[in-house]
Structure formats: structure tokens, C-alpha cells
Protein backbone atom coordinates (compact mmCIF):
# COMPACT_ATOMS: atom_id res chain seq x y z
CA MET A 1 121.52 155.74 65.18
CA ALA A 2 118.59 153.38 66.14
CA PRO A 3 118.26 150.01 64.83
CA LYS A 4 115.80 149.33 62.14
CA TYR A 5 112.45 148.11 63.81
CA GLU A 6 111.32 144.63 62.56
CA ARG A 7 108.08 143.24 64.14
CA PRO A 8 108.78 139.58 66.20
CA ALA A 9 106.97 136.76 64.59
CA ALA A 10 103.87 135.95 66.53
CA PRO A 11 104.54 133.17 68.82
CA VAL A 12 101.30 131.37 68.23
CA PRO A 13 99.36 129.17 65.50
CA ARG A 14 98.53 130.99 62.28
CA GLU A 15 95.13 129.86 62.53
CA LEU A 16 92.42 130.15 65.53
CA PRO A 17 90.83 126.94 66.76
CA GLY A 18 87.42 126.88 65.54
CA GLY A 19 87.69 129.94 63.36
CA ASN A 20 86.04 130.15 59.97
CA GLY A 21 85.29 133.00 57.19
CA ALA A 22 86.76 136.34 56.96
CA ALA A 23 84.66 138.65 59.28
CA VAL A 24 85.91 139.67 62.79
CA ALA A 25 84.48 141.08 65.94
CA ALA A 26 86.06 144.23 65.79
CA ASP A 27 84.06 145.30 63.06
CA VAL A 28 80.86 144.78 64.91
CA PRO A 29 79.70 148.03 66.75
CA TRP A 30 78.91 147.36 70.54
CA SER A 31 75.11 148.80 69.71
CA ALA A 32 74.59 145.88 67.24
CA PHE A 33 76.23 143.26 69.25
CA VAL A 34 74.06 144.34 72.56
CA LYS A 35 70.37 143.12 71.45
CA GLU A 36 68.75 143.97 74.74
CA PRO A 37 67.54 147.57 74.76
CA ARG A 38 67.78 148.10 78.42
CA LEU A 39 71.35 146.80 78.33
CA ARG A 40 72.09 148.90 75.34
CA GLN A 41 71.04 152.00 77.31
CA VAL A 42 73.15 151.15 80.48
CA VAL A 43 76.32 150.80 78.39
CA GLY A 44 75.74 154.10 76.64
CA ILE A 45 75.50 155.30 80.27
CA ALA A 46 78.75 153.56 81.36
CA LEU A 47 80.47 155.24 78.22
CA ALA A 48 79.30 158.67 78.98
CA GLN A 49 80.26 158.56 82.88
CA SER A 50 82.73 156.06 83.40
CA ARG A 51 85.52 157.59 85.38
CA ASP A 52 87.83 155.00 84.00
CA LEU A 53 87.20 156.38 80.42
CA ARG A 54 87.98 159.86 81.91
CA LYS A 55 91.39 158.93 83.54
CA ALA A 56 92.32 157.20 79.95
CA ALA A 57 91.25 160.51 78.14
CA PHE A 58 93.65 162.47 80.88
CA ALA A 59 96.33 160.28 80.21
CA ILE A 60 96.22 160.38 76.53
CA GLU A 61 96.15 164.47 77.08
CA SER A 62 99.43 164.06 79.50
CA ALA A 63 101.13 161.89 77.10
CA ARG A 64 100.76 164.36 74.03
CA ALA A 65 101.97 167.03 76.14
CA GLN A 66 105.32 164.89 77.06
CA PHE A 67 105.69 164.29 73.50
CA ARG A 68 105.26 167.96 72.52
CA ILE A 69 107.78 168.92 75.23
CA GLN A 70 110.34 166.29 73.98
CA ARG A 71 109.89 167.68 70.26
CA ALA A 72 110.55 171.25 71.08
CA GLN A 73 114.05 170.10 72.15
CA ALA A 74 114.93 170.21 68.39
CA LEU A 75 114.44 173.96 67.92
CA PRO A 76 116.47 176.47 69.66
CA SER A 77 115.04 178.59 72.32
CA ILE A 78 115.00 182.15 71.50
CA ASP A 79 114.96 184.70 74.39
CA ALA A 80 114.54 188.46 74.26
CA VAL A 81 116.34 190.59 76.96
CA ALA A 82 116.53 194.33 77.82
CA SER A 83 118.78 195.21 80.51
CA VAL A 84 120.37 198.20 82.46
CA THR A 85 123.48 197.90 84.42
CA SER A 86 124.77 200.72 86.61
CA GLN A 87 128.51 200.42 88.01
CA ARG A 88 130.29 202.49 90.40
CA THR A 89 134.44 201.81 90.10
CA ILE A 90 137.64 203.51 91.38
CA VAL A 91 139.11 205.42 88.42
CA GLY A 92 141.90 207.72 89.74
CA PRO A 93 144.21 208.73 92.99
CA ASP A 94 142.33 209.66 96.23
CA ASN A 95 139.78 206.86 95.58
CA ALA A 96 138.06 209.06 92.79
CA ALA A 97 135.09 207.19 91.55
CA ALA A 98 133.08 207.11 88.56
CA THR A 99 129.82 205.72 87.77
CA SER A 100 128.86 204.28 83.82
CA THR A 101 125.55 202.99 82.84
CA ILE A 102 125.28 200.33 79.93
CA TYR A 103 121.90 200.00 78.18
CA SER A 104 121.33 196.90 76.09
CA ALA A 105 118.20 195.17 74.34
CA GLN A 106 119.59 191.58 72.77
CA VAL A 107 117.69 188.53 71.08
CA GLY A 108 119.62 185.36 71.49
CA MET A 109 119.66 181.38 72.02
CA THR A 110 121.72 179.54 74.57
CA ALA A 111 123.27 176.12 73.80
CA TRP A 112 120.98 175.07 71.22
CA GLU A 113 122.12 171.52 70.60
CA ILE A 114 122.38 170.61 66.58
CA ASP A 115 121.07 166.95 66.06
CA VAL A 116 123.88 165.85 63.95
CA PHE A 117 123.80 162.19 65.23
CA GLY A 118 119.62 161.79 65.77
CA ARG A 119 119.84 161.61 69.69
CA ILE A 120 116.92 164.36 70.14
CA LYS A 121 115.17 162.74 67.09
CA SER A 122 115.27 159.10 68.84
CA LEU A 123 113.94 160.76 71.97
CA SER A 124 111.11 162.41 70.18
CA ASP A 125 110.15 159.17 68.50
CA ALA A 126 110.24 157.11 71.74
CA LYS A 127 108.09 159.60 73.14
CA LEU A 128 105.86 159.74 70.29
CA GLN A 129 105.55 155.81 70.53
CA GLN A 130 104.58 155.93 74.25
CA TYR A 131 101.69 158.32 73.30
CA PHE A 132 100.58 155.98 70.74
CA SER A 133 100.74 153.07 73.63
CA THR A 134 98.57 155.28 75.92
CA VAL A 135 96.33 155.70 73.04
CA GLU A 136 95.95 151.91 72.42
CA ALA A 137 95.68 151.32 76.26
CA ALA A 138 92.51 153.83 76.21
CA LYS A 139 90.83 151.64 73.70
CA ALA A 140 91.52 148.55 75.57
CA THR A 141 89.99 150.17 78.38
CA ARG A 142 86.76 151.36 76.29
CA ILE A 143 86.59 147.64 75.12
CA SER A 144 86.57 146.11 78.95
CA LEU A 145 84.25 148.80 80.17
CA VAL A 146 81.60 147.37 77.28
CA ALA A 147 82.24 144.00 78.46
CA GLU A 148 82.49 144.25 82.27
CA THR A 149 79.27 146.20 82.24
CA ALA A 150 77.62 143.78 80.19
CA ALA A 151 78.78 140.92 82.49
CA ALA A 152 77.90 143.02 85.46
CA TRP A 153 74.42 143.55 84.31
CA LEU A 154 74.26 139.36 83.54
CA THR A 155 75.27 138.88 86.94
CA LEU A 156 72.43 140.98 88.43
CA ALA A 157 70.25 139.21 86.19
CA ALA A 158 71.45 135.62 87.37
CA ASP A 159 71.38 136.42 90.86
CA ARG A 160 67.92 137.76 90.52
CA SER A 161 66.97 134.54 88.65
CA ARG A 162 68.47 132.63 91.55
CA LEU A 163 66.66 134.65 94.22
CA ALA A 164 63.02 133.42 92.38
CA ILE A 165 64.02 129.81 92.47
CA ALA A 166 65.15 130.15 96.10
CA LYS A 167 61.78 131.54 97.04
CA ASP A 168 59.91 129.32 95.01
CA THR A 169 61.79 126.48 96.79
CA MET A 170 61.00 128.16 100.21
CA ASP A 171 57.47 128.34 98.96
CA SER A 172 57.22 124.82 97.96
CA SER A 173 59.02 123.34 101.12
CA LYS A 174 56.90 125.21 103.12
CA LYS A 175 54.03 123.51 101.88
CA THR A 176 55.75 120.07 102.20
CA MET A 177 56.40 120.97 106.03
CA GLU A 178 52.48 121.31 106.22
CA LEU A 179 51.96 118.40 104.81
CA THR A 180 54.34 116.32 106.89
CA GLU A 181 52.85 118.25 109.94
CA GLN A 182 49.33 117.14 108.81
CA LEU A 183 50.60 113.60 108.37
CA VAL A 184 52.21 113.41 111.49
CA GLY A 185 49.05 114.58 113.26
CA GLY A 186 47.16 112.13 111.50
CA GLY A 187 49.27 109.44 112.55
CA THR A 188 50.73 108.39 109.03
CA SER A 189 54.03 109.81 109.51
CA ASN A 190 56.54 110.47 112.14
CA ARG A 191 57.92 114.00 113.79
CA GLY A 192 61.26 113.02 111.73
CA ASP A 193 59.73 113.66 108.63
CA PHE A 194 58.62 117.10 109.62
CA TRP A 195 62.15 118.17 110.42
CA GLN A 196 63.88 116.57 107.46
CA ALA A 197 61.12 118.76 105.37
CA THR A 198 62.36 121.84 107.44
CA THR A 199 66.03 121.38 106.39
CA VAL A 200 65.26 122.36 102.82
CA TYR A 201 63.13 125.18 103.95
CA GLN A 202 65.71 126.69 105.99
CA GLN A 203 68.39 126.32 103.33
CA ALA A 204 66.44 128.24 101.01
CA ARG A 205 65.58 130.65 103.60
CA ALA A 206 69.09 131.29 103.91
CA ASP A 207 69.77 131.58 100.04
CA VAL A 208 66.79 134.10 99.83
CA ALA A 209 68.66 136.41 102.56
CA LEU A 210 72.25 135.79 100.87
CA LEU A 211 70.83 136.43 97.50
CA THR A 212 69.08 139.59 98.39
CA ALA A 213 72.10 140.81 99.91
CA THR A 214 74.27 139.89 96.53
CA ILE A 215 71.96 141.56 94.48
CA THR A 216 72.47 144.97 96.27
CA GLN A 217 76.12 144.37 95.88
CA ASP A 218 75.75 143.34 92.23
CA ARG A 219 73.82 146.77 91.54
CA ASP A 220 76.32 148.72 93.25
CA ALA A 221 78.96 147.11 91.02
CA LEU A 222 76.95 147.98 87.96
CA GLU A 223 76.40 151.67 89.06
CA LEU A 224 80.25 151.88 89.81
CA LEU A 225 80.99 150.70 86.32
CA ALA A 226 78.51 153.07 84.72
CA GLY A 227 79.50 156.02 86.66
CA ALA A 228 75.81 157.15 87.47
CA PRO A 229 72.86 155.71 89.15
CA ILE A 230 70.88 153.10 87.10
CA PRO A 231 66.99 153.59 86.84
CA ASP A 232 65.06 150.42 88.11
CA ALA A 233 63.47 150.30 84.78
CA LEU A 234 66.84 149.53 83.04
CA LEU A 235 67.66 146.50 85.47
CA PRO A 236 67.10 143.14 84.33
CA GLU A 237 64.22 141.03 86.07
CA ALA A 238 65.71 137.45 85.56
CA LEU A 239 67.94 135.71 82.73
CA PRO A 240 65.93 135.30 79.22
CA ASP A 241 64.38 132.13 78.50
CA GLN A 242 65.84 132.71 74.83
CA LEU A 243 69.56 133.48 75.09
CA ASP A 244 69.18 136.02 72.33
CA TRP A 245 70.52 139.25 74.49
CA PHE A 246 73.66 139.23 72.40
CA ALA A 247 74.53 138.82 68.70
CA ASP A 248 76.70 135.97 67.61
CA VAL A 249 80.17 136.57 67.37
CA PRO A 250 82.09 136.13 64.15
CA VAL A 251 85.67 134.61 64.40
CA GLY A 252 88.16 134.86 61.75
CA LEU A 253 90.28 132.15 60.53
CA SER A 254 93.67 133.77 61.00
CA SER A 255 95.22 134.25 64.46
CA ALA A 256 96.69 137.76 62.71
CA VAL A 257 93.44 139.28 63.83
CA LEU A 258 94.75 139.36 67.24
CA LEU A 259 97.66 141.58 66.32
CA GLN A 260 94.92 144.53 65.99
CA ARG A 261 93.74 144.13 69.89
CA PRO A 262 94.67 147.42 71.59
CA ASP A 263 96.70 146.01 74.40
CA VAL A 264 98.87 143.70 71.55
CA GLN A 265 99.30 147.43 69.67
CA ALA A 266 99.97 149.43 72.91
CA ALA A 267 102.56 146.39 73.88
CA GLU A 268 104.06 146.91 70.12
CA HIS A 269 104.21 150.54 70.52
CA ASP A 270 106.43 150.05 73.87
CA LEU A 271 108.51 147.87 72.01
CA ILE A 272 109.14 150.52 69.32
CA ALA A 273 109.91 153.17 71.93
CA ALA A 274 112.61 151.20 73.47
CA ASN A 275 113.99 150.58 70.14
CA ALA A 276 114.19 154.58 69.40
CA SER A 277 115.74 154.72 72.88
CA ILE A 278 118.68 152.64 71.87
CA GLY A 279 119.62 155.33 69.07
CA ALA A 280 119.43 158.09 71.83
CA ALA A 281 121.78 155.79 74.06
CA ARG A 282 124.07 155.27 70.87
CA ALA A 283 124.30 159.18 69.87
CA GLN A 284 125.75 159.96 73.69
CA PHE A 285 129.20 158.02 72.19
CA PHE A 286 129.40 160.63 69.49
CA PRO A 287 130.34 164.38 69.50
CA SER A 288 127.51 167.06 70.21
CA LEU A 289 127.35 170.26 68.47
CA THR A 290 125.69 173.24 70.20
CA LEU A 291 125.50 176.84 69.30
CA THR A 292 124.89 180.17 71.63
CA ALA A 293 124.07 183.13 69.74
CA SER A 294 122.69 186.62 70.34
CA GLY A 295 122.48 190.21 68.89
CA GLY A 296 121.33 193.17 69.70
CA LEU A 297 121.87 197.01 70.63
CA LEU A 298 124.48 198.20 73.29
CA SER A 299 124.97 201.91 74.43
CA THR A 300 125.93 204.17 77.43
CA ALA A 301 123.20 206.58 76.90
CA LEU A 302 119.36 205.51 76.68
CA ALA A 303 118.69 208.06 73.96
CA ALA A 304 121.37 206.66 71.66
CA LEU A 305 120.37 202.82 71.98
CA PHE A 306 118.02 202.91 68.83
CA THR A 307 120.03 205.78 66.87
CA GLY A 308 123.71 205.41 67.06
CA PRO A 309 125.90 202.55 65.84
CA ALA A 310 125.31 200.32 68.80
CA ALA A 311 124.59 196.77 67.13
CA VAL A 312 126.79 194.00 68.78
CA PHE A 313 126.66 190.22 68.42
CA THR A 314 127.93 186.97 69.69
CA LEU A 315 128.52 184.05 68.00
CA ALA A 316 129.80 180.68 70.08
CA PRO A 317 129.35 177.45 68.37
CA ALA A 318 130.99 174.42 70.35
CA VAL A 319 131.87 170.87 69.89
CA GLY A 320 131.79 168.49 72.88
CA LEU A 321 133.47 164.88 72.74
CA PRO A 322 132.80 162.55 75.65
CA LEU A 323 136.14 160.94 76.55
CA PHE A 324 135.47 159.73 80.16
CA ARG A 325 131.99 159.09 81.86
CA GLY A 326 132.92 156.28 84.11
CA GLY A 327 131.41 154.06 81.95
CA ALA A 328 127.90 155.78 82.15
CA ASN A 329 127.43 155.81 78.32
CA ARG A 330 128.12 152.16 77.88
CA ALA A 331 125.65 151.35 80.80
CA ASN A 332 122.89 153.52 79.62
CA LEU A 333 123.28 151.77 75.97
CA ALA A 334 123.20 148.37 77.88
CA PHE A 335 120.14 149.55 79.42
CA SER A 336 118.41 150.43 76.61
CA GLU A 337 118.91 146.98 74.90
CA SER A 338 117.99 145.27 77.74
CA GLN A 339 114.62 147.25 77.85
CA LYS A 340 114.17 146.61 74.26
CA GLU A 341 114.09 142.77 75.08
CA LEU A 342 111.92 143.22 77.72
CA PHE A 343 109.45 144.77 75.66
CA VAL A 344 109.60 142.18 72.81
CA ALA A 345 108.87 139.48 75.49
CA SER A 346 106.36 141.57 76.55
CA TYR A 347 104.88 141.93 73.15
CA GLU A 348 105.06 138.06 72.37
CA LEU A 349 103.50 137.59 75.88
CA ALA A 350 100.63 139.84 74.99
CA ILE A 351 100.05 137.72 71.83
CA GLN A 352 100.16 134.67 73.57
CA ARG A 353 97.95 135.71 76.29
CA ALA A 354 95.30 137.22 73.58
CA PHE A 355 95.37 133.50 71.62
CA ARG A 356 94.56 131.51 75.17
CA GLU A 357 91.90 133.97 75.69
CA VAL A 358 90.17 133.57 72.23
CA ALA A 359 91.15 129.67 72.47
CA ASP A 360 89.24 129.27 75.94
CA ALA A 361 86.50 131.24 74.97
CA LEU A 362 86.10 129.02 71.61
CA ALA A 363 86.15 126.12 73.66
CA THR A 364 83.54 127.02 75.93
CA ARG A 365 81.25 128.20 72.97
CA ALA A 366 81.57 124.71 71.19
CA THR A 367 80.18 122.81 74.10
CA ILE A 368 77.86 125.48 75.68
CA GLU A 369 74.83 124.36 73.52
CA GLU A 370 75.45 120.73 74.85
CA GLN A 371 75.62 121.71 78.32
CA LEU A 372 72.36 123.94 77.95
CA MET A 373 70.29 120.72 76.29
CA ALA A 374 71.64 118.76 79.26
CA GLN A 375 70.66 121.22 82.19
CA VAL A 376 67.05 121.31 80.22
CA ALA A 377 66.85 117.73 80.66
CA LEU A 378 67.96 117.46 83.96
CA LEU A 379 65.53 120.06 85.09
CA GLU A 380 62.51 118.30 83.26
CA ALA A 381 63.66 114.92 84.89
CA SER A 382 64.35 116.36 88.64
CA THR A 383 60.81 118.01 88.24
CA LYS A 384 59.04 114.66 87.19
CA ALA A 385 60.80 112.81 89.80
CA TYR A 386 59.89 115.28 92.43
CA GLU A 387 56.39 115.59 91.32
CA LEU A 388 56.20 111.49 91.52
CA SER A 389 57.97 111.33 94.63
CA GLN A 390 55.50 113.40 96.50
CA ALA A 391 52.52 111.87 95.17
CA ARG A 392 53.80 108.40 96.38
CA TYR A 393 54.58 109.72 99.84
CA LYS A 394 51.36 111.27 100.02
CA ALA A 395 49.88 107.79 99.13
CA GLY A 396 51.96 106.28 101.84
CA VAL A 397 54.00 104.11 99.17
CA ASP A 398 57.50 105.92 99.58
CA PRO A 399 59.13 106.98 102.83
CA PHE A 400 59.41 110.65 103.03
CA LEU A 401 63.56 110.35 102.55
CA THR A 402 62.71 110.01 98.53
CA THR A 403 60.61 113.14 98.51
CA LEU A 404 63.29 115.06 100.23
CA VAL A 405 66.11 113.87 98.07
CA SER A 406 64.03 114.72 94.89
CA GLN A 407 63.37 118.12 96.32
CA ARG A 408 66.87 119.10 96.88
CA GLN A 409 67.80 117.78 93.48
CA LEU A 410 65.34 119.68 91.61
CA TYR A 411 66.38 122.50 93.70
CA ALA A 412 70.33 121.87 92.49
CA ALA A 413 69.04 121.58 89.02
CA LYS A 414 67.00 124.76 88.88
CA ILE A 415 70.24 126.73 90.21
CA SER A 416 72.69 124.91 87.77
CA GLN A 417 70.68 125.68 85.26
CA ALA A 418 70.74 129.43 86.04
CA ILE A 419 74.09 129.14 86.19
CA THR A 420 74.54 127.79 82.86
CA GLN A 421 72.39 130.02 81.12
CA GLN A 422 74.58 132.72 82.77
CA ALA A 423 77.63 130.96 81.22
CA ALA A 424 76.32 130.63 77.67
CA LEU A 425 75.55 134.70 77.88
CA SER A 426 78.80 135.34 79.34
CA ASN A 427 80.54 133.53 76.67
CA ARG A 428 79.72 135.67 73.99
CA VAL A 429 80.49 138.82 75.76
CA THR A 430 83.72 137.06 76.31
CA LEU A 431 84.42 136.32 72.91
CA TYR A 432 83.27 139.56 71.54
CA ARG A 433 85.92 141.18 74.10
CA VAL A 434 88.99 138.83 73.47
CA LEU A 435 88.56 139.46 69.73
CA GLY A 436 88.92 143.19 70.08
CA GLY A 437 85.08 143.99 69.79
CA GLY A 438 83.61 147.23 71.26
CA LEU A 439 85.59 150.02 70.02
CA LYS A 440 82.90 150.88 67.44
């Protein structure tokens, strides 16, 4: 009774933007993708200890049990019953009474539905597909855990880099304050220069306090993902000079690779389950055949129960034809069909979301190298500008405002470079995740 399932066409272009070759990220094990040894150990801890993965594992067990329960309904339920019935009745005038006792031992089944029109099979197929969907959801959880752990580790490294920059700026601005104080005392500068130098110092001081608290929160977030405390030896000190913590991510040309993502697979299994539910709803319109049967021994004496001619049996097949249900069967069919359309939309949306995530990550990858080169050049220019302005201020050529502006620009350039470095590394992690990497 279930309609023949046909996979909906993918509502995205056939080729990925910027894709090339046939290799795909899903074929790259996470241990080969993560090249930083300490991060590799942290990801291993997360995969072994994460409560999210444990929840996913128990969700699979629950879905498997539900499928087994539904599948068992296709088989007859057979019970063995032994009983003793004692009865006292009035049998004659003057209320004469008699007592009778009957002993029985029987094996039988009650109302076993013979699945003529496939209702039970359709329900069983739906539960099986829901189980498969749960398995795919667990795979998606694993992929997300690998990526989120790497991202949290990167965030900690980036914040520690920014903290080092803030401390360095605080130290240099303090020296500038001391210099202006000396110049004020010598009469070659004014008190306003000192207070202007103080603004940079206090800004860096505030950033140091903020980043110190943020780094503690970063570590807490990382340990929550890992499901266990992380030793100090496995934590990053700062972002690397060479962005080689992760391997380059291969991107295939065909967008069909997105159909293998666990979240897309889970959406398709939900769609197949809804398709099977239509078969169960259709079968409700047809007659149902049930069978009740039992056989055993019956005797008025316990001693003769297994010796005398005490065999009895009951056979009661029944056919039920739905005549009037108040429109419930039609409503159930309409609900099943609408659910299927809902899951079709969910499946197509999952593919579109996957395509957008990959396209966004590829767009970032196409320009991130240029951004890094620009940030390096900006930092170099800002450093030279600051050194020159400071020298000219000491020589009395330029006002302190020029030095102050250069110092702020240098601080901003250092922070901006750290942010771009983090973005470049995060882009590789994101691209690896959205292409389905992390299962192996």
C-alpha cells in the first residue's frame, strides 16, 4: 500500500563553486586533518568522554528497541495458561448444592492480525527508517563535536594571543607615559600629552582584564565539549606563525557529495518513514483478518488431566470491515500525506542549507590568503609608523598626538591580524565539517 519512494531532485546547482577533482573531505580521517599533536589529543578525549555522544548512542538504542517492538507485532503472541476453576451451584430442590472443579492447561494466541494488506509491515518499515535517521543524527553529532572542539581550542589560542598583545601594548604605553612625564618635567611637553598617553595604557589594561576572564571561560567551554578536564600541557599558548594546524581540505566538483552528509541522510530517512506511514494509513480502509486459537487439556479431575481423553481446542478467525469511523481513516491518510510533503520540504531545505554552508566556506577560503597578506602588510606599516612618530616626538619634531594615533593604529593592527589568523584556521575547520569530514 505504500507509494513507491522516489528521491526528490536536489534543489541546488550540480557543481560546487570552487570545487575541483574527485577527492572529498569525508574520506579524510579527523586524525589526518588535525595536524597539531596537542589538539589531536584533546579531540580524542572529547570523542571518548563527550556526554553529547553518549546521549546520541542511547538515542540509537532507544530507536532500535522501538523498531523491534513494532516488528514483533507481525508475529503471533503465544501464551501458556494453567488454571483451576472451582464452582458451587444450586442443582436441586431445597437448594441442594453441588461443587465442581475443572483443571485446564492450554496454549493459545489472541487476536493475531494477519497482515494481508501490509499495514504492520508499513509501520515496521517506518520505525526502521526512524532508527536509521537516529543513527545518522548520531554521526552528525560526532562531526559537530570534532569541529566544535577544534573551534573552541582555536578560540582559546586566539584569546591568548590577544592577551599577549594587550599586555605588550600596556607595557609599551606605560613606557610612553614615563617618557611624557619626563618631558613634562623638563618643560619640553605639557601635561595633556601625559593624559593622552594614559588613555592607551588604560584601554590596554581593561582589555587585559577582559581577556583574562574570557580565557577562563574559553577553557570552561572546551572542557564542557571534551567532557573531562584538559591538562595545561594540552592547551595552546597562542596562534601559530604558520597556519599549519590543519591539513588542506579537498573539495570535490559535484554537489552530490552533499547527499552523503549525515544531516541530509537523516532528513531522507525521515522522508522514507513518512512515505511508509502512508501505506499503513491506506491499509486502514481495507478489511482486517485476525485469528484467535487455543488448544490444550481440560478435565474435572487433576489426575486425569494428562491421562484421559481431555484434549480441547478453539479456533476463531475473524474479519473486520471498517464501515463508519467518522472520517478518522481519511483524516489519518491526509495527515500521513501532508507529513510526507513536510519531510520533502525538510529534506530539500537540508540540501540547500548544506550547499550554502559549503559555498560560504569556499568563498572565505578564496580570499583569506589575500586578507592575511594585507594584515601582515598593515602590521608592518603600522609598526614603522609608530617607531618613526615616537622618534620624531622625542626629537621635538612632531606633537604627541601623532605618536598617540600611531600607537592606537599599531594596537588595532595587531588585534586585527590575530582575528584574521583565527578566521583562516576556523575556515578550514568549517569547510571540513560542512563537507561531512570527521566520521573516520
